[in-house]
Amino acid sequence: MRDFMLSNAPIARPRRTTPKRQMRERRTAQALVLFGLVLAAVELYVILGSF
């Protein structure tokens, strides 16, 4: 009977993200965007510098 009750237990909802985690994810996203912009600038410098 116990196994039957456990198998029908409701699936737990995923936790909502906490503000601290959201801030860390936002900082990570900003760092990736900044890195992409710097990389694009370096690529343009290398390409245009070769002419």
Protein backbone atom coordinates (compact mmCIF):
# COMPACT_ATOMS: atom_id res chain seq x y z
CA MET A 1 0.00 0.00 0.00
CA ARG A 2 2.86 2.34 0.84
CA ASP A 3 4.42 1.85 -2.61
CA PHE A 4 1.09 2.72 -4.22
CA MET A 5 0.89 5.97 -2.26
CA LEU A 6 4.45 6.95 -3.19
CA SER A 7 3.92 6.27 -6.88
CA ASN A 8 0.89 8.59 -6.96
CA ALA A 9 2.62 11.43 -5.10
CA PRO A 10 2.31 14.76 -6.95
CA ILE A 11 5.40 15.92 -8.78
CA ALA A 12 7.06 18.79 -6.95
CA ARG A 13 6.98 22.13 -8.71
CA PRO A 14 10.35 23.59 -9.67
CA ARG A 15 11.44 26.30 -7.28
CA ARG A 16 11.15 29.90 -8.31
CA THR A 17 14.51 31.57 -8.80
CA THR A 18 15.62 33.65 -5.85
CA PRO A 19 16.63 37.29 -6.33
CA LYS A 20 20.28 36.45 -5.59
CA ARG A 21 20.31 33.83 -8.33
CA GLN A 22 18.59 36.18 -10.78
CA MET A 23 21.24 38.83 -10.09
CA ARG A 24 24.03 36.32 -10.70
CA GLU A 25 22.42 35.18 -13.96
CA ARG A 26 22.00 38.80 -15.08
CA ARG A 27 25.66 39.56 -14.33
CA THR A 28 26.72 36.46 -16.24
CA ALA A 29 24.62 37.49 -19.23
CA GLN A 30 26.08 41.00 -19.16
CA ALA A 31 29.61 39.59 -18.99
CA LEU A 32 28.95 37.34 -22.00
CA VAL A 33 27.55 40.26 -24.02
CA LEU A 34 30.55 42.42 -23.11
CA PHE A 35 32.93 39.61 -24.04
CA GLY A 36 31.18 39.21 -27.40
CA LEU A 37 31.44 42.93 -28.14
CA VAL A 38 35.15 43.00 -27.26
CA LEU A 39 35.75 39.93 -29.41
CA ALA A 40 33.90 41.52 -32.35
CA ALA A 41 35.96 44.72 -31.97
CA VAL A 42 39.22 42.74 -31.95
CA GLU A 43 38.14 40.79 -35.03
CA LEU A 44 37.33 44.02 -36.89
CA TYR A 45 40.67 45.49 -35.84
CA VAL A 46 42.53 42.44 -37.13
CA ILE A 47 40.60 42.31 -40.41
CA LEU A 48 40.81 46.03 -41.13
CA GLY A 49 44.41 46.23 -39.93
CA SER A 50 45.53 43.71 -42.52
CA PHE A 51 44.68 46.04 -45.45
